[in-house]
């Protein structure tokens, strides 16, 4: 039982981040873990986060979705969680995967506003409509996870049932995310050289955090501030340019990844390079034989995505995503090409990579569940 729960918590860990390019929704972890009506289990359970993440994947019809979690510091010692769950949340805090705050306040809404993310919560924010008018104008931006047949479903606070809807990144958010920021507190996991900060600075493991993955600062009286330490942030210079690319296999968007300047990314069956995008788990036998371990390399240069075939068998470019075979442009081994705005590279028929917004899901979808390893005793889903 303990081993199975540890495996599912590891799977959930892969779906939490503070990367503004990858997060698909924002939530308050202290709230989510207490949705006892979802499974009829313990007063607090970290597994409920996995159930909500699975529901988000179903609603967005996209695999491997990630969420941006804010966490009240009290959760790190919450007696309603098991000792293993508390240790896991501390690790997430140490690695900068979640924001740990003494007073979360309306940080969840601030992040949603700056990044254009939907909010997963049952809380109503009637008193903040003036500051965040989209709370009323865009009802799908705030949705409540509620019990449903086979797991949670989402209901908008205003206007009936909706899937979570993303908005546009605010102009202020765009300006903040154009810069790197530095926290004066030693070991800040979010805006430093890595580390957990506070009581967990000595346990830190996030020193290799990419500047492009920094979360948005909090604004206090218009001043960029570290949400964890309350300290004024220093301007560390321009943030590296990024592009969000997506992998689609068999018509299904399986994962997103961030390409940033100076950090090439290799995608293939099982790349050996650090940060490589492994596709093997989604490929059939024929595709595995055709696609090399490292098949294509992506680089971002002066705002352009350069794709180079580093395979044995070659690949092809589909301009504007066209599935017409006559439009496909062969890409020979070691050949490079600029990936146009709407282009995608096809490693093998049905295996494509392109800009995330240009690769919608186009097939009936059953996402990979982070709860696949959860013991049945740990949750009691409502019956259909």
Protein backbone atom coordinates (compact mmCIF):
# COMPACT_ATOMS: atom_id res chain seq x y z
CA UNK A 1 0.00 0.00 0.00
CA UNK A 2 2.71 2.51 1.03
CA UNK A 3 4.76 1.72 -2.08
CA UNK A 4 1.75 2.17 -4.37
CA UNK A 5 0.88 5.51 -2.77
CA UNK A 6 4.50 6.64 -3.11
CA UNK A 7 4.38 5.82 -6.83
CA UNK A 8 1.22 7.83 -7.41
CA UNK A 9 2.66 10.78 -5.46
CA UNK A 10 5.72 10.63 -7.70
CA UNK A 11 3.40 10.73 -10.73
CA UNK A 12 1.54 13.72 -9.28
CA UNK A 13 4.87 15.47 -8.63
CA UNK A 14 5.51 15.44 -12.38
CA UNK A 15 2.35 17.52 -12.86
CA UNK A 16 3.03 20.42 -10.48
CA UNK A 17 5.16 23.37 -11.49
CA UNK A 18 5.53 27.14 -11.27
CA UNK A 19 6.66 27.43 -14.89
CA UNK A 20 4.44 30.10 -16.50
CA UNK A 21 4.81 28.48 -19.92
CA UNK A 22 3.61 25.02 -18.87
CA UNK A 23 1.02 25.51 -16.12
CA UNK A 24 -2.55 25.05 -17.38
CA UNK A 25 -4.46 26.09 -14.24
CA UNK A 26 -3.82 27.49 -10.76
CA UNK A 27 -5.11 26.13 -7.45
CA UNK A 28 -4.73 26.32 -3.68
CA UNK A 29 -3.40 22.94 -2.56
CA UNK A 30 -4.64 23.37 1.02
CA UNK A 31 -8.17 23.64 -0.36
CA UNK A 32 -8.00 20.82 -2.91
CA UNK A 33 -6.73 18.18 -0.45
CA UNK A 34 -9.82 18.70 1.76
CA UNK A 35 -12.43 17.91 -0.90
CA UNK A 36 -13.58 14.93 1.16
CA UNK A 37 -16.78 14.51 -0.87
CA UNK A 38 -14.73 13.58 -3.95
CA UNK A 39 -13.65 10.23 -2.52
CA UNK A 40 -15.24 9.89 0.92
CA UNK A 41 -11.84 9.28 2.45
CA UNK A 42 -9.61 10.98 5.03
CA UNK A 43 -10.14 14.62 6.06
CA UNK A 44 -7.08 15.57 3.97
CA UNK A 45 -5.37 13.59 1.21
CA UNK A 46 -2.73 14.59 -1.31
CA UNK A 47 -4.18 12.00 -3.70
CA UNK A 48 -7.11 14.35 -4.34
CA UNK A 49 -4.73 16.63 -6.19
CA UNK A 50 -4.10 13.75 -8.60
CA UNK A 51 -7.83 13.24 -9.07
CA UNK A 52 -8.31 16.93 -9.91
CA UNK A 53 -5.34 16.86 -12.31
CA UNK A 54 -6.86 13.84 -14.09
CA UNK A 55 -10.15 15.71 -14.38
CA UNK A 56 -8.32 18.69 -15.89
CA UNK A 57 -6.70 16.43 -18.48
CA UNK A 58 -10.11 15.06 -19.44
CA UNK A 59 -11.64 18.51 -19.73
CA UNK A 60 -8.77 19.97 -21.77
CA UNK A 61 -8.44 16.76 -23.82
CA UNK A 62 -4.69 16.86 -23.33
CA UNK A 63 -2.27 14.52 -21.62
CA UNK A 64 0.35 15.46 -19.04
CA UNK A 65 -1.24 18.76 -18.01
CA UNK A 66 0.52 20.65 -15.22
CA UNK A 67 -0.94 22.86 -12.51
CA UNK A 68 0.41 25.84 -10.61
CA UNK A 69 -0.15 25.26 -6.88
CA UNK A 70 0.04 27.81 -4.06
CA UNK A 71 0.49 26.27 -0.64
CA UNK A 72 -0.11 27.70 2.83
CA UNK A 73 2.98 27.11 4.95
CA UNK A 74 0.82 25.45 7.62
CA UNK A 75 0.25 22.56 5.22
CA UNK A 76 3.87 21.47 5.71
CA UNK A 77 2.99 20.43 9.27
CA UNK A 78 -0.71 19.58 8.80
CA UNK A 79 -1.50 16.60 11.05
CA UNK A 80 -4.35 15.51 8.74
CA UNK A 81 -1.75 14.51 6.15
CA UNK A 82 0.45 11.46 6.57
CA UNK A 83 4.13 11.96 7.38
CA UNK A 84 4.97 10.83 3.84
CA UNK A 85 2.57 13.37 2.32
CA UNK A 86 4.06 16.17 4.40
CA UNK A 87 7.54 15.11 3.31
CA UNK A 88 6.42 15.19 -0.34
CA UNK A 89 4.99 18.72 -0.03
CA UNK A 90 8.21 19.87 1.63
CA UNK A 91 10.19 18.43 -1.27
CA UNK A 92 7.97 20.28 -3.73
CA UNK A 93 8.63 23.47 -1.75
CA UNK A 94 12.38 22.86 -1.68
CA UNK A 95 12.48 22.32 -5.44
CA UNK A 96 10.37 25.37 -6.27
CA UNK A 97 7.55 23.25 -7.75
CA UNK A 98 4.96 25.01 -5.57
CA UNK A 99 4.73 28.43 -3.95
CA UNK A 100 4.78 28.19 -0.14
CA UNK A 101 3.30 31.29 1.47
CA UNK A 102 2.68 32.42 5.05
CA UNK A 103 -0.42 34.29 3.91
CA UNK A 104 -1.57 33.13 0.46
CA UNK A 105 -4.33 35.75 0.35
CA UNK A 106 -5.34 36.40 -3.24
CA UNK A 107 -2.01 35.20 -4.74
CA UNK A 108 -3.92 32.48 -6.59
CA UNK A 109 -5.99 35.12 -8.40
CA UNK A 110 -2.94 37.29 -9.00
CA UNK A 111 -1.17 34.40 -10.74
CA UNK A 112 -4.30 33.64 -12.76
CA UNK A 113 -4.55 37.29 -13.79
CA UNK A 114 -0.89 37.68 -14.76
CA UNK A 115 -0.67 34.38 -16.66
CA UNK A 116 -4.21 34.12 -18.04
CA UNK A 117 -4.80 30.80 -16.26
CA UNK A 118 -8.11 29.32 -15.13
CA UNK A 119 -8.62 28.85 -11.37
CA UNK A 120 -9.71 25.55 -9.83
CA UNK A 121 -11.54 26.39 -6.60
CA UNK A 122 -14.88 26.27 -4.81
CA UNK A 123 -14.25 29.64 -3.18
CA UNK A 124 -16.21 32.65 -4.43
CA UNK A 125 -14.36 35.96 -4.78
CA UNK A 126 -17.25 38.43 -4.86
CA UNK A 127 -15.25 41.07 -2.98
CA UNK A 128 -12.46 41.07 -5.57
CA UNK A 129 -14.52 41.64 -8.71
CA UNK A 130 -13.29 45.22 -9.01
CA UNK A 131 -9.66 44.19 -9.01
CA UNK A 132 -10.23 41.14 -11.21
CA UNK A 133 -13.22 41.90 -13.48
CA UNK A 134 -12.75 38.63 -15.38
CA UNK A 135 -14.18 36.83 -12.32
CA UNK A 136 -17.58 37.84 -13.71
CA UNK A 137 -16.81 38.55 -17.36
CA UNK A 138 -15.20 35.15 -18.00
CA UNK A 139 -17.07 32.59 -15.85
CA UNK A 140 -15.11 29.66 -17.25
CA UNK A 141 -11.94 31.13 -15.74
CA UNK A 142 -13.06 30.07 -12.24
CA UNK A 143 -14.40 26.53 -11.97
CA UNK A 144 -15.19 24.35 -8.97
CA UNK A 145 -14.08 20.71 -8.88
CA UNK A 146 -17.14 18.74 -7.69
CA UNK A 147 -17.90 15.02 -7.42
CA UNK A 148 -18.92 13.30 -10.64
CA UNK A 149 -19.30 9.82 -12.04
CA UNK A 150 -15.83 8.31 -12.12
CA UNK A 151 -14.06 11.35 -10.65
CA UNK A 152 -14.27 15.13 -10.28
CA UNK A 153 -15.90 17.36 -12.89
CA UNK A 154 -15.83 21.16 -13.18
CA UNK A 155 -18.72 23.58 -12.75
CA UNK A 156 -18.29 27.31 -13.30
CA UNK A 157 -19.26 29.58 -10.41
CA UNK A 158 -21.33 31.71 -12.79
CA UNK A 159 -23.28 30.54 -15.81
CA UNK A 160 -23.47 26.77 -15.37
CA UNK A 161 -21.11 23.98 -16.38
CA UNK A 162 -17.90 24.77 -18.24
CA UNK A 163 -14.56 23.26 -18.96
CA UNK A 164 -11.75 25.45 -17.56
CA UNK A 165 -11.13 28.36 -19.93
CA UNK A 166 -7.80 30.16 -20.23
CA UNK A 167 -7.58 33.89 -20.75
CA UNK A 168 -4.88 36.08 -22.22
CA UNK A 169 -1.72 36.89 -20.30
CA UNK A 170 -2.17 40.39 -18.90
CA UNK A 171 0.03 43.25 -20.20
CA UNK A 172 1.52 43.53 -16.71
CA UNK A 173 2.23 39.80 -16.69
CA UNK A 174 3.94 40.04 -20.08
CA UNK A 175 6.21 42.82 -18.80
CA UNK A 176 7.10 40.94 -15.63
CA UNK A 177 7.86 37.75 -17.54
CA UNK A 178 10.17 39.61 -19.93
CA UNK A 179 12.70 40.00 -17.10
CA UNK A 180 14.60 37.73 -14.72
CA UNK A 181 14.22 38.48 -11.02
CA UNK A 182 16.44 37.87 -8.01
CA UNK A 183 15.37 37.55 -4.38
CA UNK A 184 17.83 38.90 -1.75
CA UNK A 185 16.96 36.02 0.59
CA UNK A 186 19.53 33.25 0.45
CA UNK A 187 18.32 30.01 -1.07
CA UNK A 188 15.03 31.28 -2.51
CA UNK A 189 13.63 28.43 -4.62
CA UNK A 190 11.63 30.73 -6.88
CA UNK A 191 13.86 33.74 -7.49
CA UNK A 192 17.34 32.67 -6.44
CA UNK A 193 20.01 30.20 -7.35
CA UNK A 194 17.82 27.37 -6.08
CA UNK A 195 16.94 26.18 -2.63
CA UNK A 196 13.87 25.99 -0.49
CA UNK A 197 14.30 29.18 1.51
CA UNK A 198 13.34 29.54 5.15
CA UNK A 199 13.56 26.36 7.21
CA UNK A 200 14.25 24.24 4.13
CA UNK A 201 17.17 26.13 2.59
CA UNK A 202 19.67 23.44 3.58
CA UNK A 203 17.61 20.75 1.86
CA UNK A 204 17.31 22.57 -1.45
CA UNK A 205 17.63 20.80 -4.75
CA UNK A 206 16.57 23.39 -7.31
CA UNK A 207 19.88 25.03 -8.18
CA UNK A 208 19.59 24.16 -11.87
CA UNK A 209 16.26 25.92 -12.33
CA UNK A 210 16.03 27.60 -15.73
CA UNK A 211 15.57 31.41 -15.66
CA UNK A 212 12.85 30.94 -18.27
CA UNK A 213 10.84 28.88 -15.76
CA UNK A 214 10.63 31.58 -13.08
CA UNK A 215 7.10 32.28 -11.82
CA UNK A 216 5.65 35.79 -12.02
CA UNK A 217 6.61 38.10 -9.14
CA UNK A 218 3.95 39.32 -6.77
CA UNK A 219 3.13 43.01 -7.11
CA UNK A 220 2.95 45.01 -3.89
CA UNK A 221 2.21 48.68 -4.49
CA UNK A 222 3.43 48.12 -8.03
CA UNK A 223 6.80 46.74 -6.90
CA UNK A 224 7.91 43.22 -8.00
CA UNK A 225 8.13 41.24 -4.76
CA UNK A 226 8.97 37.67 -3.76
CA UNK A 227 5.64 36.13 -2.70
CA UNK A 228 7.41 33.79 -0.26
CA UNK A 229 9.74 36.21 1.53
CA UNK A 230 8.01 39.55 0.96
CA UNK A 231 11.32 41.01 -0.23
CA UNK A 232 11.72 43.42 -3.12
CA UNK A 233 13.13 41.60 -6.16
CA UNK A 234 16.15 42.80 -8.10
CA UNK A 235 16.06 42.99 -11.89
CA UNK A 236 18.36 40.28 -13.24
CA UNK A 237 18.12 41.33 -16.88
CA UNK A 238 16.12 40.04 -19.86
CA UNK A 239 14.56 36.60 -19.56
CA UNK A 240 15.53 34.15 -22.32
CA UNK A 241 13.07 33.92 -25.18
CA UNK A 242 10.94 30.80 -25.17
CA UNK A 243 8.58 28.83 -27.40
CA UNK A 244 6.16 26.22 -26.16
CA UNK A 245 6.10 23.13 -28.37
CA UNK A 246 3.74 20.17 -28.15
CA UNK A 247 3.96 16.51 -29.06
CA UNK A 248 0.96 14.95 -30.81
CA UNK A 249 0.77 11.18 -31.29
CA UNK A 250 -2.17 9.59 -33.07
CA UNK A 251 -4.09 12.87 -32.98
CA UNK A 252 -3.64 13.30 -29.20
CA UNK A 253 -1.58 16.06 -27.57
CA UNK A 254 0.61 14.05 -25.22
CA UNK A 255 2.85 16.70 -23.66
CA UNK A 256 4.20 20.22 -23.91
CA UNK A 257 7.76 21.37 -23.46
CA UNK A 258 9.58 24.69 -23.39
CA UNK A 259 12.32 25.58 -25.86
CA UNK A 260 14.52 28.46 -24.76
CA UNK A 261 17.48 30.27 -26.29
CA UNK A 262 20.80 28.54 -25.70
CA UNK A 263 19.20 25.26 -24.61
CA UNK A 264 18.63 22.86 -27.52
CA UNK A 265 16.16 20.03 -26.96
CA UNK A 266 16.31 16.59 -28.61
CA UNK A 267 13.14 14.55 -29.13
CA UNK A 268 13.03 10.90 -30.07
CA UNK A 269 12.24 7.39 -28.95
CA UNK A 270 14.57 7.62 -25.93
CA UNK A 271 17.05 10.54 -26.13
CA UNK A 272 20.28 10.25 -24.17
CA UNK A 273 20.70 14.02 -23.83
CA UNK A 274 19.69 15.82 -20.63
CA UNK A 275 16.25 17.35 -20.99
CA UNK A 276 15.39 15.15 -23.97
CA UNK A 277 11.76 14.49 -24.89
CA UNK A 278 11.06 10.76 -24.75
CA UNK A 279 8.29 9.56 -27.08
CA UNK A 280 8.71 5.79 -26.78
CA UNK A 281 5.87 5.25 -24.30
CA UNK A 282 3.33 6.51 -26.85
CA UNK A 283 4.64 4.74 -29.97
CA UNK A 284 3.48 1.53 -31.62
CA UNK A 285 6.01 -1.11 -32.69
CA UNK A 286 6.43 0.24 -36.23
CA UNK A 287 6.98 3.79 -35.02
CA UNK A 288 9.56 2.59 -32.49
CA UNK A 289 11.51 0.87 -35.26
CA UNK A 290 11.47 3.99 -37.46
CA UNK A 291 12.06 6.73 -34.89
CA UNK A 292 15.65 7.00 -33.63
CA UNK A 293 16.57 7.30 -29.96
CA UNK A 294 17.36 10.93 -30.70
CA UNK A 295 15.45 11.88 -33.83
CA UNK A 296 15.18 15.67 -34.11
CA UNK A 297 16.90 18.59 -32.37
CA UNK A 298 15.15 21.90 -31.71
CA UNK A 299 16.95 25.21 -31.18
CA UNK A 300 15.61 28.72 -30.66
CA UNK A 301 17.69 31.36 -32.43
CA UNK A 302 16.68 35.02 -32.63
CA UNK A 303 13.05 34.08 -32.17
CA UNK A 304 13.06 31.33 -34.82
CA UNK A 305 12.66 27.62 -34.13
CA UNK A 306 15.33 25.65 -36.00
CA UNK A 307 14.71 21.92 -36.35
CA UNK A 308 17.50 19.55 -37.36
CA UNK A 309 17.02 15.91 -38.24
CA UNK A 310 19.61 13.88 -36.29
CA UNK A 311 18.06 10.50 -37.09
CA UNK A 312 18.84 7.57 -39.35
CA UNK A 313 15.60 7.53 -41.31
CA UNK A 314 14.75 11.20 -41.79
CA UNK A 315 11.51 13.07 -41.15
CA UNK A 316 9.34 15.69 -42.82
CA UNK A 317 7.87 19.16 -42.42
CA UNK A 318 4.12 19.68 -42.84
CA UNK A 319 3.58 23.35 -43.75
CA UNK A 320 0.62 24.88 -41.93
CA UNK A 321 -0.10 21.47 -40.45
CA UNK A 322 -1.36 20.11 -43.78
CA UNK A 323 -2.03 16.37 -43.85
CA UNK A 324 -1.87 16.35 -47.65
CA UNK A 325 1.05 14.11 -48.59
CA UNK A 326 1.89 16.31 -51.57
CA UNK A 327 2.60 19.21 -49.19
CA UNK A 328 5.04 17.29 -47.01
CA UNK A 329 8.64 18.54 -47.30
CA UNK A 330 11.22 15.77 -46.67
CA UNK A 331 13.90 16.52 -44.10
CA UNK A 332 16.96 14.35 -44.63
CA UNK A 333 19.32 13.27 -41.84
CA UNK A 334 21.50 16.19 -40.65
CA UNK A 335 19.36 18.69 -42.58
CA UNK A 336 18.03 21.79 -40.80
CA UNK A 337 15.04 24.01 -41.45
CA UNK A 338 13.22 26.93 -39.84
CA UNK A 339 9.90 25.74 -38.45
CA UNK A 340 7.25 28.14 -39.71
CA UNK A 341 4.62 29.59 -37.39
CA UNK A 342 2.03 26.96 -38.31
CA UNK A 343 4.40 24.18 -39.41
CA UNK A 344 4.99 20.92 -37.63
CA UNK A 345 7.66 18.29 -38.03
CA UNK A 346 6.50 14.74 -38.55
CA UNK A 347 8.90 12.08 -37.25
CA UNK A 348 6.64 9.25 -38.43
CA UNK A 349 3.03 9.24 -39.70
CA UNK A 350 0.88 10.39 -36.78
CA UNK A 351 3.86 11.57 -34.66
CA UNK A 352 4.21 15.35 -34.90
CA UNK A 353 5.76 18.21 -32.97
CA UNK A 354 4.88 21.86 -33.44
CA UNK A 355 3.89 25.00 -31.57
CA UNK A 356 1.43 24.14 -28.84
CA UNK A 357 -1.41 26.37 -30.01
CA UNK A 358 -1.21 24.86 -33.50
CA UNK A 359 -1.60 21.24 -32.38
CA UNK A 360 -5.15 20.74 -31.14
CA UNK A 361 -6.31 17.28 -30.16
CA UNK A 362 -8.09 15.60 -33.03
CA UNK A 363 -9.23 12.23 -31.71
CA UNK A 364 -11.33 10.65 -28.92
CA UNK A 365 -9.25 11.06 -25.80
CA UNK A 366 -8.48 9.06 -22.68
CA UNK A 367 -5.62 10.72 -20.78
CA UNK A 368 -2.88 8.89 -18.95
CA UNK A 369 -4.00 8.93 -15.31
CA UNK A 370 -1.63 9.97 -12.53
CA UNK A 371 -3.88 7.86 -10.28
CA UNK A 372 -3.17 4.61 -12.14
CA UNK A 373 -1.02 3.30 -9.27
CA UNK A 374 -3.37 4.42 -6.48
CA UNK A 375 -4.64 1.53 -4.32
CA UNK A 376 -8.41 1.17 -4.52
CA UNK A 377 -8.63 1.36 -0.71
CA UNK A 378 -7.28 4.91 -0.84
CA UNK A 379 -10.27 6.37 -2.68
CA UNK A 380 -13.93 5.69 -3.14
CA UNK A 381 -15.18 7.26 -6.34
CA UNK A 382 -18.93 8.01 -6.71
CA UNK A 383 -20.68 5.37 -8.75
CA UNK A 384 -22.21 6.38 -12.12
